[in-house]
Amino acid sequence: MYQQKSTLKELISNAKNLTILFVEDDATTRKELINFLGTFFPKIISAKDGKEAWEKFNNNDIDLVVTDITLPHLNGIELISLIRSVNATIPLLILSAHTESKYFLESIKYGVDGYLLKPFDLEQFLSVVSKVVYRLDMEQKYAQYNKNLEQMVEEKTYELETKYLYDQRTSLPNATMLKKDLIRKEEGYMILLDISHFSVLNKEYGKDFANEVIKNTAKKLSSNIISNSKLYKVESDRFAYLVDVTTKEEVAFYCNQIVAFFDNENIVVDDVEIHISFCIGADKIRNEVAQTLVNCEYALDKAKEFGSRHFEIYNEKDLDFVDKREAVKWLRLTRELIDNDGIEPYYQPIKDTQTNEIVKYEVLARGVYNTEVTDPIHFLRSAEKLGLLTTITRTIIKKSFAYMRDNNVEFSINLTQKDLIDESFLIYLQNHTKEYAIDPSRVTFEILENITVVKNADAIKEQLSLLREMGFKMAVDDFGVENSNLSRFLDMHFDFIKIDGVFIKDLVTNDKNIKLTKAIVSLAKSLGMKTIAEYVKDEETYNKIKELGVDLAQGFYVGKPSAKLVQE
């Protein structure tokens, strides 16, 4: 008796915040049972049939459903099926006087939580309902617990971090731990190991086998660990050491030890012996964690240039490392230049050697960054790596066309191989020629000589033919220094040959270059082309190319590139 009172008390306490949907078609029975259920559930929503129950279920926040089986419009089993289609966890109780097993068997597949038989038996009622209400009470408490989870997360941060600071395959500290330790360390060196040709292992033996190689390599490195060091498993096929040494000589000694050890120790997986080797990059621990990591990457890249079993220690005075850092810097700056519309056209004058008059201009790309003007040597290679060369070309076309729309000056623009294989380039050019009313005969496109030997030469030849049909002129740039296919060169019908500056800059004193320039001029004249000499630096050089029959001159003697035309 005491246990029943205790259960009753707990039920009333736990049910006070629950909303119950009660479904019964018989009005008298419905009223009686609502009065009974009201003792335990102060919030009861009732329905007289399945259709009404389904509507009320969708329009209210229901915690528990108690439904008869035999209902008009929509029977209890059909109602339960609909409810389960939208809520897989809400407790469902069936109320029925039926004892036919088919109802109960059918209801089982919908995950019904219990059955209440009419008329109510208090003990049976308490037994079934108490379990459901207890579960709902626990779920509500759990929901409340989740609301306070932010505070709990702060308290558990260290515990959770520790759990995720280790590589699951090898149990070694991972890259996150490495960064944390680098922050704490004030001196020493980091050694970065990259397994050579690991991708070949993946392809030849499969991922699972390659993972076993990683695990066994970790064991070898751990059991033969460098003294005064800590080993980490970082990326997929990489390991790292933090070593408590202070000189490059000591680091070189450790790197040689690693190479020598794996020269004599194979990794065994499934009775298969695998010989592995490393490329290694190292740098001293610096104040900035990112700087240490990046410098190790630079050193590793240089080691890879020499193949397996090589190591490099970063040296900020080494020109190779300086160049690599500069290249990475310009990748970022080039992206900023393009994103911020910092590519501008500059115009270098070209003079007719017979009339001594400026007859056209070459449009050259310049980068304007923080008011400083940057030469293309800094950003064109980066733009190529980023896949943005065509963006620069289109910017130069658009801005130079807009600038030249109000005059009749001829000008030339450089095109790249990527421009000429871009199917949308001609459309872009047609649209802007029309927009700025540019006569195509005023525009010469300059293409490098080696365009005649690239794998897309035939497609490029067709594109050049279309450009000529549109009225544009063509010039071959840097002639004489690149490889070329003479037959294709002749088929491409150039209007100008630009003699590369390597032949012009010391033309006055170099007999060999004088002969080469004469030969190029003779070839051009026989083909009906005009010649342009680049890098004309002084009056003496200008007079010499004039004497040799070069038609046009370009260089600092004639004029430097400028944001405006010389006449202006």
Protein backbone atom coordinates (compact mmCIF):
# COMPACT_ATOMS: atom_id res chain seq x y z
CA MET A 1 0.00 0.00 0.00
CA TYR A 2 2.84 2.38 0.88
CA GLN A 3 4.63 1.62 -2.44
CA GLN A 4 1.43 2.40 -4.38
CA LYS A 5 1.08 5.74 -2.59
CA SER A 6 4.72 6.51 -3.31
CA THR A 7 4.28 5.67 -7.02
CA LEU A 8 1.10 7.76 -7.18
CA LYS A 9 2.85 10.71 -5.59
CA GLU A 10 5.80 10.47 -7.97
CA LEU A 11 3.47 10.18 -10.96
CA ILE A 12 1.54 13.33 -10.02
CA SER A 13 4.81 15.20 -9.45
CA ASN A 14 6.42 14.10 -12.72
CA ALA A 15 3.28 14.65 -14.84
CA LYS A 16 2.53 18.21 -13.72
CA ASN A 17 4.31 19.79 -16.72
CA LEU A 18 3.20 17.30 -19.37
CA THR A 19 0.51 17.81 -22.02
CA ILE A 20 -1.52 14.72 -22.92
CA LEU A 21 -3.61 14.15 -26.06
CA PHE A 22 -6.55 11.88 -25.14
CA VAL A 23 -8.63 10.36 -27.96
CA GLU A 24 -11.99 8.61 -27.28
CA ASP A 25 -15.07 8.58 -29.51
CA ASP A 26 -17.66 7.77 -26.82
CA ALA A 27 -18.66 11.05 -25.15
CA THR A 28 -19.61 9.50 -21.76
CA THR A 29 -16.46 7.41 -21.56
CA ARG A 30 -14.39 10.39 -22.69
CA LYS A 31 -15.76 12.61 -19.94
CA GLU A 32 -15.26 9.96 -17.24
CA LEU A 33 -11.72 9.18 -18.29
CA ILE A 34 -10.75 12.84 -18.62
CA ASN A 35 -11.89 13.35 -15.03
CA PHE A 36 -9.80 10.36 -13.98
CA LEU A 37 -6.73 11.38 -15.98
CA GLY A 38 -7.06 14.96 -14.68
CA THR A 39 -5.96 13.68 -11.27
CA PHE A 40 -2.51 13.10 -12.76
CA PHE A 41 -2.32 15.30 -15.85
CA PRO A 42 -3.48 18.91 -15.41
CA LYS A 43 -2.99 19.60 -19.15
CA ILE A 44 -5.31 17.39 -21.24
CA ILE A 45 -6.30 18.01 -24.88
CA SER A 46 -9.15 15.73 -25.95
CA ALA A 47 -10.40 14.59 -29.35
CA LYS A 48 -13.49 12.63 -30.33
CA ASP A 49 -12.08 10.96 -33.48
CA GLY A 50 -8.82 10.25 -35.28
CA LYS A 51 -9.08 13.16 -37.69
CA GLU A 52 -9.58 15.71 -34.92
CA ALA A 53 -6.77 14.12 -32.92
CA TRP A 54 -4.35 14.41 -35.86
CA GLU A 55 -5.18 18.11 -36.29
CA LYS A 56 -4.70 18.83 -32.57
CA PHE A 57 -1.45 16.88 -32.52
CA ASN A 58 -0.08 19.12 -35.27
CA ASN A 59 -1.27 22.34 -33.62
CA ASN A 60 -0.10 21.70 -30.05
CA ASP A 61 3.05 20.63 -28.23
CA ILE A 62 2.03 17.15 -27.12
CA ASP A 63 4.13 15.06 -24.73
CA LEU A 64 2.01 11.88 -24.51
CA VAL A 65 -0.77 10.35 -26.68
CA VAL A 66 -3.45 8.05 -25.25
CA THR A 67 -5.84 6.81 -27.92
CA ASP A 68 -8.65 4.34 -28.37
CA ILE A 69 -8.34 1.88 -31.27
CA THR A 70 -11.86 2.00 -32.67
CA LEU A 71 -12.36 5.57 -33.86
CA PRO A 72 -14.38 7.11 -36.70
CA HIS A 73 -12.73 8.75 -39.72
CA LEU A 74 -9.26 7.59 -38.68
CA ASN A 75 -8.84 4.59 -36.37
CA GLY A 76 -6.27 4.42 -33.59
CA ILE A 77 -3.76 2.37 -35.53
CA GLU A 78 -3.92 4.78 -38.50
CA LEU A 79 -3.53 7.75 -36.16
CA ILE A 80 -0.48 6.16 -34.54
CA SER A 81 1.02 5.51 -37.98
CA LEU A 82 0.67 9.18 -38.92
CA ILE A 83 2.15 10.35 -35.62
CA ARG A 84 5.11 8.03 -35.99
CA SER A 85 5.77 9.37 -39.49
CA VAL A 86 6.58 12.79 -38.00
CA ASN A 87 7.73 11.87 -34.48
CA ALA A 88 9.56 8.61 -33.86
CA THR A 89 10.01 9.03 -30.09
CA ILE A 90 6.80 10.46 -28.58
CA PRO A 91 5.23 7.96 -26.11
CA LEU A 92 2.03 6.30 -27.38
CA LEU A 93 -0.46 4.39 -25.21
CA ILE A 94 -3.39 2.39 -26.61
CA LEU A 95 -6.69 2.45 -24.76
CA SER A 96 -9.07 -0.36 -25.68
CA ALA A 97 -11.56 -2.88 -24.36
CA HIS A 98 -10.61 -5.23 -27.19
CA THR A 99 -8.72 -8.39 -26.47
CA GLU A 100 -8.19 -9.38 -30.07
CA SER A 101 -4.49 -10.00 -30.59
CA LYS A 102 -4.44 -8.58 -34.15
CA TYR A 103 -4.75 -5.00 -32.82
CA PHE A 104 -1.84 -5.41 -30.47
CA LEU A 105 0.33 -7.18 -33.03
CA GLU A 106 -0.31 -4.43 -35.55
CA SER A 107 0.51 -1.73 -33.02
CA ILE A 108 3.83 -3.30 -32.02
CA LYS A 109 5.48 -2.30 -35.32
CA TYR A 110 4.82 1.37 -34.50
CA GLY A 111 6.67 1.15 -31.21
CA VAL A 112 3.69 1.60 -28.91
CA ASP A 113 4.85 2.16 -25.33
CA GLY A 114 1.98 0.39 -23.54
CA TYR A 115 -1.68 -0.70 -23.41
CA LEU A 116 -4.47 0.49 -21.07
CA LEU A 117 -7.52 -1.76 -20.87
CA LYS A 118 -11.03 -0.44 -20.13
CA PRO A 119 -12.28 -0.26 -17.50
CA PHE A 120 -9.20 1.18 -15.78
CA ASP A 121 -7.51 -0.90 -13.16
CA LEU A 122 -5.53 1.48 -10.91
CA GLU A 123 -2.59 -0.86 -10.41
CA GLN A 124 -2.31 -1.62 -14.15
CA PHE A 125 -2.73 2.07 -14.98
CA LEU A 126 0.01 3.13 -12.55
CA SER A 127 2.36 0.43 -13.80
CA VAL A 128 2.05 1.48 -17.46
CA VAL A 129 1.78 5.24 -17.12
CA SER A 130 4.47 5.64 -14.45
CA LYS A 131 7.12 4.16 -16.76
CA VAL A 132 6.20 6.50 -19.59
CA VAL A 133 6.01 9.58 -17.38
CA TYR A 134 9.31 8.69 -15.74
CA ARG A 135 10.96 8.49 -19.18
CA LEU A 136 9.51 11.85 -20.19
CA ASP A 137 10.71 13.36 -16.94
CA MET A 138 14.22 12.09 -17.63
CA GLU A 139 14.12 13.51 -21.15
CA GLN A 140 13.08 16.92 -19.86
CA LYS A 141 15.86 16.88 -17.31
CA TYR A 142 18.29 15.91 -20.05
CA ALA A 143 17.06 18.80 -22.20
CA GLN A 144 17.62 21.15 -19.28
CA TYR A 145 21.06 19.68 -18.84
CA ASN A 146 21.85 20.47 -22.49
CA LYS A 147 20.81 24.10 -21.97
CA ASN A 148 23.51 24.44 -19.35
CA LEU A 149 26.05 22.62 -21.50
CA GLU A 150 28.09 25.73 -22.33
CA GLN A 151 29.18 26.06 -18.74
CA MET A 152 29.92 22.35 -18.58
CA VAL A 153 31.93 22.55 -21.82
CA GLU A 154 34.19 25.20 -20.30
CA GLU A 155 34.81 22.97 -17.32
CA LYS A 156 35.53 19.97 -19.56
CA THR A 157 37.63 21.77 -22.18
CA TYR A 158 40.95 20.51 -20.94
CA GLU A 159 39.66 16.96 -20.70
CA LEU A 160 38.24 17.03 -24.24
CA GLU A 161 41.35 18.68 -25.69
CA THR A 162 43.54 16.01 -24.18
CA LYS A 163 41.41 13.34 -25.80
CA TYR A 164 41.94 14.87 -29.26
CA LEU A 165 45.63 15.74 -28.98
CA TYR A 166 46.75 12.28 -30.07
CA ASP A 167 46.73 10.52 -33.41
CA GLN A 168 44.31 7.58 -33.30
CA ARG A 169 46.36 5.22 -35.47
CA THR A 170 49.74 5.65 -33.81
CA SER A 171 48.84 7.05 -30.36
CA LEU A 172 51.49 9.70 -30.93
CA PRO A 173 50.86 13.39 -30.15
CA ASN A 174 49.32 15.03 -33.20
CA ALA A 175 49.76 18.33 -35.05
CA THR A 176 47.61 20.19 -32.52
CA MET A 177 49.85 19.05 -29.69
CA LEU A 178 52.90 20.00 -31.76
CA LYS A 179 51.65 23.58 -32.10
CA LYS A 180 50.91 23.79 -28.37
CA ASP A 181 54.39 22.54 -27.53
CA LEU A 182 55.98 24.96 -29.98
CA ILE A 183 54.29 27.82 -28.15
CA ARG A 184 55.81 26.67 -24.87
CA LYS A 185 59.33 25.98 -26.17
CA GLU A 186 61.82 28.81 -26.33
CA GLU A 187 64.68 27.05 -28.09
CA GLY A 188 65.58 23.89 -29.94
CA TYR A 189 64.84 22.64 -33.45
CA MET A 190 61.89 21.13 -35.28
CA ILE A 191 62.59 18.29 -37.71
CA LEU A 192 59.87 17.47 -40.26
CA LEU A 193 59.93 14.01 -41.88
CA ASP A 194 58.02 13.17 -45.07
CA ILE A 195 57.87 9.53 -46.26
CA SER A 196 59.10 9.46 -49.85
CA HIS A 197 56.72 8.15 -52.51
CA PHE A 198 54.05 7.24 -49.96
CA SER A 199 51.34 7.72 -52.60
CA VAL A 200 52.88 4.80 -54.54
CA LEU A 201 52.32 2.55 -51.50
CA ASN A 202 48.70 3.65 -51.37
CA LYS A 203 48.17 2.84 -55.03
CA GLU A 204 50.11 -0.42 -55.11
CA TYR A 205 49.02 -2.01 -51.83
CA GLY A 206 45.89 -0.12 -50.82
CA LYS A 207 44.99 2.29 -48.05
CA ASP A 208 44.77 -0.30 -45.25
CA PHE A 209 48.25 -1.62 -46.01
CA ALA A 210 49.63 1.94 -46.20
CA ASN A 211 48.07 2.73 -42.82
CA GLU A 212 49.86 -0.29 -41.34
CA VAL A 213 53.11 1.05 -42.79
CA ILE A 214 52.45 4.34 -40.97
CA LYS A 215 51.78 2.51 -37.68
CA ASN A 216 54.91 0.36 -37.96
CA THR A 217 57.01 3.36 -38.96
CA ALA A 218 55.73 5.17 -35.86
CA LYS A 219 56.82 2.19 -33.73
CA LYS A 220 60.29 2.21 -35.27
CA LEU A 221 60.67 5.94 -34.73
CA SER A 222 59.33 5.67 -31.16
CA SER A 223 61.54 2.76 -30.13
CA ASN A 224 64.63 4.43 -31.58
CA ILE A 225 63.72 7.98 -30.63
CA ILE A 226 66.30 10.72 -30.80
CA SER A 227 67.63 11.65 -27.36
CA ASN A 228 66.20 14.83 -25.81
CA SER A 229 63.33 14.88 -28.30
CA LYS A 230 59.59 14.37 -28.65
CA LEU A 231 57.98 12.58 -31.61
CA TYR A 232 54.70 13.63 -33.27
CA LYS A 233 52.48 12.21 -36.00
CA VAL A 234 51.31 15.16 -38.06
CA GLU A 235 49.86 14.86 -41.58
CA SER A 236 49.02 11.61 -43.40
CA ASP A 237 52.58 10.52 -44.18
CA ARG A 238 54.54 12.91 -41.99
CA PHE A 239 56.20 12.86 -38.59
CA ALA A 240 57.95 15.59 -36.63
CA TYR A 241 60.50 15.83 -33.84
CA LEU A 242 61.07 18.67 -31.41
CA VAL A 243 64.72 18.36 -30.45
CA ASP A 244 66.47 20.06 -27.52
CA VAL A 245 69.61 21.08 -29.38
CA THR A 246 71.01 24.49 -30.23
CA THR A 247 73.28 24.03 -33.26
CA LYS A 248 72.79 23.11 -36.89
CA GLU A 249 75.61 20.59 -36.58
CA GLU A 250 73.64 18.64 -33.98
CA VAL A 251 70.49 18.74 -36.12
CA ALA A 252 72.45 17.52 -39.14
CA PHE A 253 73.79 14.65 -37.01
CA TYR A 254 70.24 13.62 -36.00
CA CYS A 255 68.98 13.84 -39.61
CA ASN A 256 71.83 11.62 -40.78
CA GLN A 257 70.98 9.16 -38.00
CA ILE A 258 67.39 8.89 -39.24
CA VAL A 259 68.49 8.35 -42.84
CA ALA A 260 71.08 5.72 -41.85
CA PHE A 261 68.68 3.86 -39.54
CA PHE A 262 66.03 3.39 -42.26
CA ASP A 263 68.70 2.44 -44.78
CA ASN A 264 69.18 -0.69 -42.68
CA GLU A 265 65.69 -1.23 -41.22
CA ASN A 266 62.68 -2.27 -43.32
CA ILE A 267 59.03 -1.98 -42.34
CA VAL A 268 57.24 -5.34 -42.26
CA VAL A 269 53.49 -5.56 -42.93
CA ASP A 270 51.75 -8.92 -43.50
CA ASP A 271 55.14 -10.55 -44.10
CA VAL A 272 55.90 -7.98 -46.79
CA GLU A 273 59.11 -5.99 -46.29
CA ILE A 274 58.88 -2.37 -47.32
CA HIS A 275 61.91 -0.11 -47.58
CA ILE A 276 61.02 3.46 -46.75
CA SER A 277 63.04 6.64 -46.74
CA PHE A 278 62.41 10.24 -45.83
CA CYS A 279 62.89 13.73 -47.12
CA ILE A 280 63.61 15.95 -44.13
CA GLY A 281 63.32 19.68 -43.45
CA ALA A 282 64.36 21.40 -40.23
CA ASP A 283 64.42 24.83 -38.64
CA LYS A 284 65.11 26.29 -35.24
CA ILE A 285 62.14 27.04 -33.01
CA ARG A 286 61.12 30.65 -33.47
CA ASN A 287 58.93 33.08 -31.56
CA GLU A 288 56.07 32.60 -34.03
CA VAL A 289 54.79 29.03 -34.35
CA ALA A 290 53.63 29.59 -37.92
CA GLN A 291 57.11 30.79 -38.89
CA THR A 292 58.73 27.60 -37.60
CA LEU A 293 56.22 25.41 -39.43
CA VAL A 294 56.51 27.34 -42.70
CA ASN A 295 60.31 27.36 -42.60
CA CYS A 296 60.35 23.59 -42.09
CA GLU A 297 58.10 23.30 -45.15
CA TYR A 298 60.49 25.44 -47.20
CA ALA A 299 63.42 23.27 -46.10
CA LEU A 300 61.45 20.10 -46.87
CA ASP A 301 60.58 21.36 -50.36
CA LYS A 302 64.23 22.01 -51.08
CA ALA A 303 65.18 18.53 -49.78
CA LYS A 304 62.61 16.99 -52.14
CA GLU A 305 64.36 18.64 -55.09
CA PHE A 306 67.29 16.30 -54.42
CA GLY A 307 65.12 13.18 -53.92
CA SER A 308 64.80 10.69 -51.08
CA ARG A 309 67.23 10.51 -48.13
CA HIS A 310 68.06 14.20 -48.25
CA PHE A 311 67.64 16.83 -45.56
CA GLU A 312 67.81 20.60 -45.51
CA ILE A 313 68.08 23.00 -42.59
CA TYR A 314 66.44 26.37 -43.16
CA ASN A 315 68.81 29.29 -43.62
CA GLU A 316 67.29 32.75 -43.98
CA LYS A 317 70.37 33.89 -45.95
CA ASP A 318 70.06 31.11 -48.54
CA LEU A 319 68.81 32.68 -51.79
CA ASP A 320 66.70 29.59 -52.58
CA PHE A 321 64.73 30.10 -49.38
CA VAL A 322 64.52 33.85 -49.96
CA ASP A 323 63.08 33.23 -53.43
CA LYS A 324 60.55 30.71 -52.09
CA ARG A 325 59.38 33.12 -49.40
CA GLU A 326 59.13 35.91 -51.94
CA ALA A 327 57.10 33.67 -54.28
CA VAL A 328 54.66 32.77 -51.50
CA LYS A 329 54.33 36.43 -50.54
CA TRP A 330 53.49 37.35 -54.12
CA LEU A 331 50.83 34.66 -54.37
CA ARG A 332 48.96 36.53 -51.66
CA LEU A 333 49.72 40.00 -53.03
CA THR A 334 48.72 39.00 -56.58
CA ARG A 335 45.37 37.75 -55.35
CA GLU A 336 44.88 41.08 -53.54
CA LEU A 337 45.90 43.07 -56.64
CA ILE A 338 43.34 41.29 -58.78
CA ASP A 339 40.57 41.25 -56.18
CA ASN A 340 41.03 44.98 -55.52
CA ASP A 341 41.23 45.95 -59.23
CA GLY A 342 44.89 46.91 -58.81
CA ILE A 343 46.03 45.87 -62.31
CA GLU A 344 46.56 48.95 -64.49
CA PRO A 345 47.70 49.44 -68.11
CA TYR A 346 50.94 51.37 -68.70
CA TYR A 347 51.89 52.57 -72.18
CA GLN A 348 55.41 52.35 -73.64
CA PRO A 349 55.99 54.29 -76.87
CA ILE A 350 57.32 52.66 -80.06
CA LYS A 351 59.15 54.87 -82.57
CA ASP A 352 59.46 54.58 -86.35
CA THR A 353 63.21 54.56 -87.08
CA GLN A 354 62.73 56.29 -90.45
CA THR A 355 60.49 59.17 -89.35
CA ASN A 356 61.65 59.29 -85.71
CA GLU A 357 57.99 59.63 -84.75
CA ILE A 358 56.08 57.64 -82.13
CA VAL A 359 53.64 55.54 -84.11
CA LYS A 360 52.21 53.14 -81.52
CA TYR A 361 52.37 51.95 -77.91
CA GLU A 362 52.72 48.62 -76.17
CA VAL A 363 50.27 48.20 -73.29
CA LEU A 364 52.05 46.67 -70.27
CA ALA A 365 50.46 45.45 -67.06
CA ARG A 366 51.46 47.09 -63.81
CA GLY A 367 50.27 46.40 -60.30
CA VAL A 368 49.34 49.35 -58.10
CA TYR A 369 49.62 48.25 -54.46
CA ASN A 370 49.45 50.80 -51.63
CA THR A 371 50.28 53.57 -54.13
CA GLU A 372 53.43 51.68 -55.24
CA VAL A 373 53.70 50.59 -58.87
CA THR A 374 54.85 46.98 -59.32
CA ASP A 375 56.43 45.45 -62.42
CA PRO A 376 54.79 42.31 -63.88
CA ILE A 377 57.88 40.20 -63.13
CA HIS A 378 56.57 40.07 -59.54
CA PHE A 379 52.97 39.04 -60.16
CA LEU A 380 52.61 37.35 -63.57
CA ARG A 381 54.14 34.03 -62.48
CA SER A 382 51.97 34.06 -59.35
CA ALA A 383 48.91 34.83 -61.47
CA GLU A 384 49.74 31.82 -63.64
CA LYS A 385 49.93 29.55 -60.56
CA LEU A 386 46.61 30.94 -59.35
CA GLY A 387 45.01 30.44 -62.77
CA LEU A 388 44.38 34.19 -63.14
CA LEU A 389 46.46 35.12 -66.20
CA THR A 390 43.36 35.47 -68.37
CA THR A 391 41.85 37.78 -65.77
CA ILE A 392 44.85 40.10 -66.09
CA THR A 393 44.66 40.06 -69.90
CA ARG A 394 40.97 40.91 -69.85
CA THR A 395 41.56 43.72 -67.37
CA ILE A 396 44.25 45.20 -69.62
CA ILE A 397 41.97 44.92 -72.68
CA LYS A 398 39.05 46.56 -70.94
CA LYS A 399 41.02 49.44 -69.41
CA SER A 400 43.20 50.15 -72.45
CA PHE A 401 40.19 50.06 -74.80
CA ALA A 402 38.38 52.52 -72.53
CA TYR A 403 41.47 54.79 -72.46
CA MET A 404 42.08 54.64 -76.22
CA ARG A 405 38.48 55.13 -77.31
CA ASP A 406 38.88 58.89 -77.90
CA ASN A 407 42.03 58.78 -80.07
CA ASN A 408 43.35 56.98 -83.16
CA VAL A 409 46.65 55.74 -81.68
CA GLU A 410 47.71 52.18 -82.49
CA PHE A 411 48.65 49.93 -79.57
CA SER A 412 49.65 46.34 -78.85
CA ILE A 413 48.61 43.93 -76.07
CA ASN A 414 50.28 40.70 -74.96
CA LEU A 415 48.29 37.47 -75.16
CA THR A 416 49.14 34.21 -73.39
CA GLN A 417 48.60 30.64 -74.43
CA LYS A 418 45.74 30.41 -71.92
CA ASP A 419 44.02 33.40 -73.53
CA LEU A 420 44.19 31.76 -76.93
CA ILE A 421 42.68 28.45 -75.80
CA ASP A 422 39.92 30.14 -73.81
CA GLU A 423 36.74 29.63 -75.83
CA SER A 424 35.10 32.72 -74.36
CA PHE A 425 38.00 35.08 -75.18
CA LEU A 426 36.80 36.04 -78.66
CA ILE A 427 33.34 36.85 -77.35
CA TYR A 428 34.87 39.02 -74.62
CA LEU A 429 37.02 40.80 -77.20
CA GLN A 430 34.10 41.36 -79.60
CA ASN A 431 31.93 42.80 -76.84
CA HIS A 432 34.57 45.28 -75.68
CA THR A 433 35.61 46.25 -79.20
CA LYS A 434 31.98 47.18 -79.84
CA GLU A 435 31.46 48.83 -76.43
CA TYR A 436 34.46 51.18 -76.82
CA ALA A 437 34.23 51.58 -80.62
CA ILE A 438 37.81 50.38 -81.15
CA ASP A 439 38.86 49.76 -84.77
CA PRO A 440 40.56 46.31 -84.64
CA SER A 441 43.21 47.47 -87.14
CA ARG A 442 44.60 49.72 -84.40
CA VAL A 443 45.32 46.73 -82.14
CA THR A 444 48.25 44.32 -82.40
CA PHE A 445 48.30 41.20 -80.27
CA GLU A 446 51.76 40.01 -79.26
CA ILE A 447 52.33 36.26 -78.85
CA LEU A 448 55.50 34.49 -77.69
CA GLU A 449 57.46 32.61 -80.35
CA ASN A 450 57.14 29.24 -78.59
CA ILE A 451 53.39 29.33 -79.21
CA THR A 452 54.17 27.51 -82.47
CA VAL A 453 55.39 24.36 -80.69
CA VAL A 454 52.93 23.98 -77.82
CA LYS A 455 50.56 21.02 -77.86
CA ASN A 456 47.58 23.29 -78.64
CA ALA A 457 49.34 24.93 -81.59
CA ASP A 458 46.68 23.94 -84.12
CA ALA A 459 43.85 25.29 -81.98
CA ILE A 460 45.84 28.46 -81.38
CA LYS A 461 46.50 28.84 -85.09
CA GLU A 462 42.75 28.69 -85.71
CA GLN A 463 42.13 31.27 -82.98
CA LEU A 464 44.74 33.60 -84.49
CA SER A 465 43.09 33.25 -87.89
CA LEU A 466 39.78 34.33 -86.38
CA LEU A 467 41.47 37.34 -84.76
CA ARG A 468 42.97 38.32 -88.12
CA GLU A 469 39.56 37.96 -89.77
CA MET A 470 38.20 40.38 -87.17
CA GLY A 471 40.87 42.88 -88.29
CA PHE A 472 43.46 42.61 -85.52
CA LYS A 473 47.20 42.48 -86.27
CA MET A 474 49.66 39.92 -84.92
CA ALA A 475 53.23 40.17 -83.65
CA VAL A 476 55.59 37.42 -82.56
CA ASP A 477 57.33 38.49 -79.34
CA ASP A 478 60.87 37.70 -78.07
CA PHE A 479 61.81 36.32 -81.47
CA GLY A 480 65.05 34.37 -81.60
CA VAL A 481 65.25 33.17 -77.97
CA GLU A 482 62.47 30.58 -77.93
CA ASN A 483 61.97 27.32 -79.75
CA SER A 484 59.69 27.54 -82.76
CA ASN A 485 58.30 25.54 -85.64
CA LEU A 486 59.17 27.56 -88.74
CA SER A 487 56.43 25.97 -90.82
CA ARG A 488 53.74 26.81 -88.26
CA PHE A 489 55.31 30.24 -87.77
CA LEU A 490 54.81 31.00 -91.45
CA ASP A 491 51.23 29.65 -91.36
CA MET A 492 50.28 32.02 -88.54
CA HIS A 493 50.85 35.13 -90.72
CA PHE A 494 52.34 37.62 -88.28
CA ASP A 495 52.50 41.33 -89.08
CA PHE A 496 55.46 42.13 -86.82
CA ILE A 497 58.54 40.35 -85.47
CA LYS A 498 59.82 41.71 -82.15
CA ILE A 499 63.56 41.10 -81.81
CA ASP A 500 64.28 40.11 -78.24
CA GLY A 501 66.30 42.49 -76.08
CA VAL A 502 68.97 39.84 -75.49
CA PHE A 503 70.23 40.59 -79.02
CA ILE A 504 69.75 44.37 -78.79
CA LYS A 505 71.15 45.44 -75.42
CA ASP A 506 74.82 44.96 -76.46
CA LEU A 507 74.24 45.19 -80.20
CA VAL A 508 76.82 47.93 -80.76
CA THR A 509 79.73 45.84 -79.49
CA ASN A 510 78.59 42.29 -80.29
CA ASP A 511 79.26 41.19 -83.87
CA LYS A 512 77.33 37.94 -83.42
CA ASN A 513 74.19 39.82 -82.40
CA ILE A 514 74.62 42.21 -85.31
CA LYS A 515 74.62 39.25 -87.70
CA LEU A 516 71.58 37.66 -85.99
CA THR A 517 69.67 40.95 -86.12
CA LYS A 518 70.51 41.33 -89.81
CA ALA A 519 69.24 37.82 -90.46
CA ILE A 520 65.96 38.46 -88.62
CA VAL A 521 65.44 41.73 -90.48
CA SER A 522 66.11 39.99 -93.79
CA LEU A 523 63.67 37.18 -92.93
CA ALA A 524 60.98 39.68 -91.91
CA LYS A 525 61.34 41.74 -95.08
CA SER A 526 61.13 38.63 -97.27
CA LEU A 527 57.90 37.67 -95.49
CA GLY A 528 56.43 41.18 -95.66
CA MET A 529 56.69 41.73 -91.90
CA LYS A 530 57.98 44.72 -89.96
CA THR A 531 60.57 44.40 -87.20
CA ILE A 532 60.56 45.95 -83.73
CA ALA A 533 63.69 46.09 -81.60
CA GLU A 534 63.18 45.88 -77.82
CA TYR A 535 65.46 47.25 -75.06
CA VAL A 536 66.79 50.17 -77.10
CA LYS A 537 68.58 51.87 -74.23
CA ASP A 538 70.53 54.71 -75.83
CA GLU A 539 71.07 56.78 -78.97
CA GLU A 540 73.98 54.63 -80.14
CA THR A 541 71.84 51.49 -80.05
CA TYR A 542 69.00 53.35 -81.77
CA ASN A 543 71.25 54.45 -84.61
CA LYS A 544 72.62 50.92 -84.97
CA ILE A 545 69.21 49.24 -85.35
CA LYS A 546 68.27 51.96 -87.80
CA GLU A 547 71.41 51.19 -89.79
CA LEU A 548 70.52 47.46 -89.78
CA GLY A 549 67.09 48.17 -91.22
CA VAL A 550 64.91 47.59 -88.11
CA ASP A 551 61.59 49.36 -88.66
CA LEU A 552 60.51 50.23 -85.11
CA ALA A 553 62.28 50.86 -81.80
CA GLN A 554 61.10 50.32 -78.23
CA GLY A 555 63.01 50.88 -75.01
CA PHE A 556 63.93 53.46 -72.38
CA TYR A 557 65.67 55.62 -74.99
CA VAL A 558 62.36 55.98 -76.80
CA GLY A 559 60.29 56.22 -73.63
CA LYS A 560 59.52 54.43 -70.37
CA PRO A 561 56.12 52.84 -69.65
CA SER A 562 53.71 55.41 -68.26
CA ALA A 563 50.09 55.60 -67.15
CA LYS A 564 49.55 58.18 -69.90
CA LEU A 565 50.58 58.54 -73.54
CA VAL A 566 53.70 60.61 -74.30
CA GLN A 567 51.70 63.18 -76.31
CA GLU A 568 49.60 63.90 -73.24
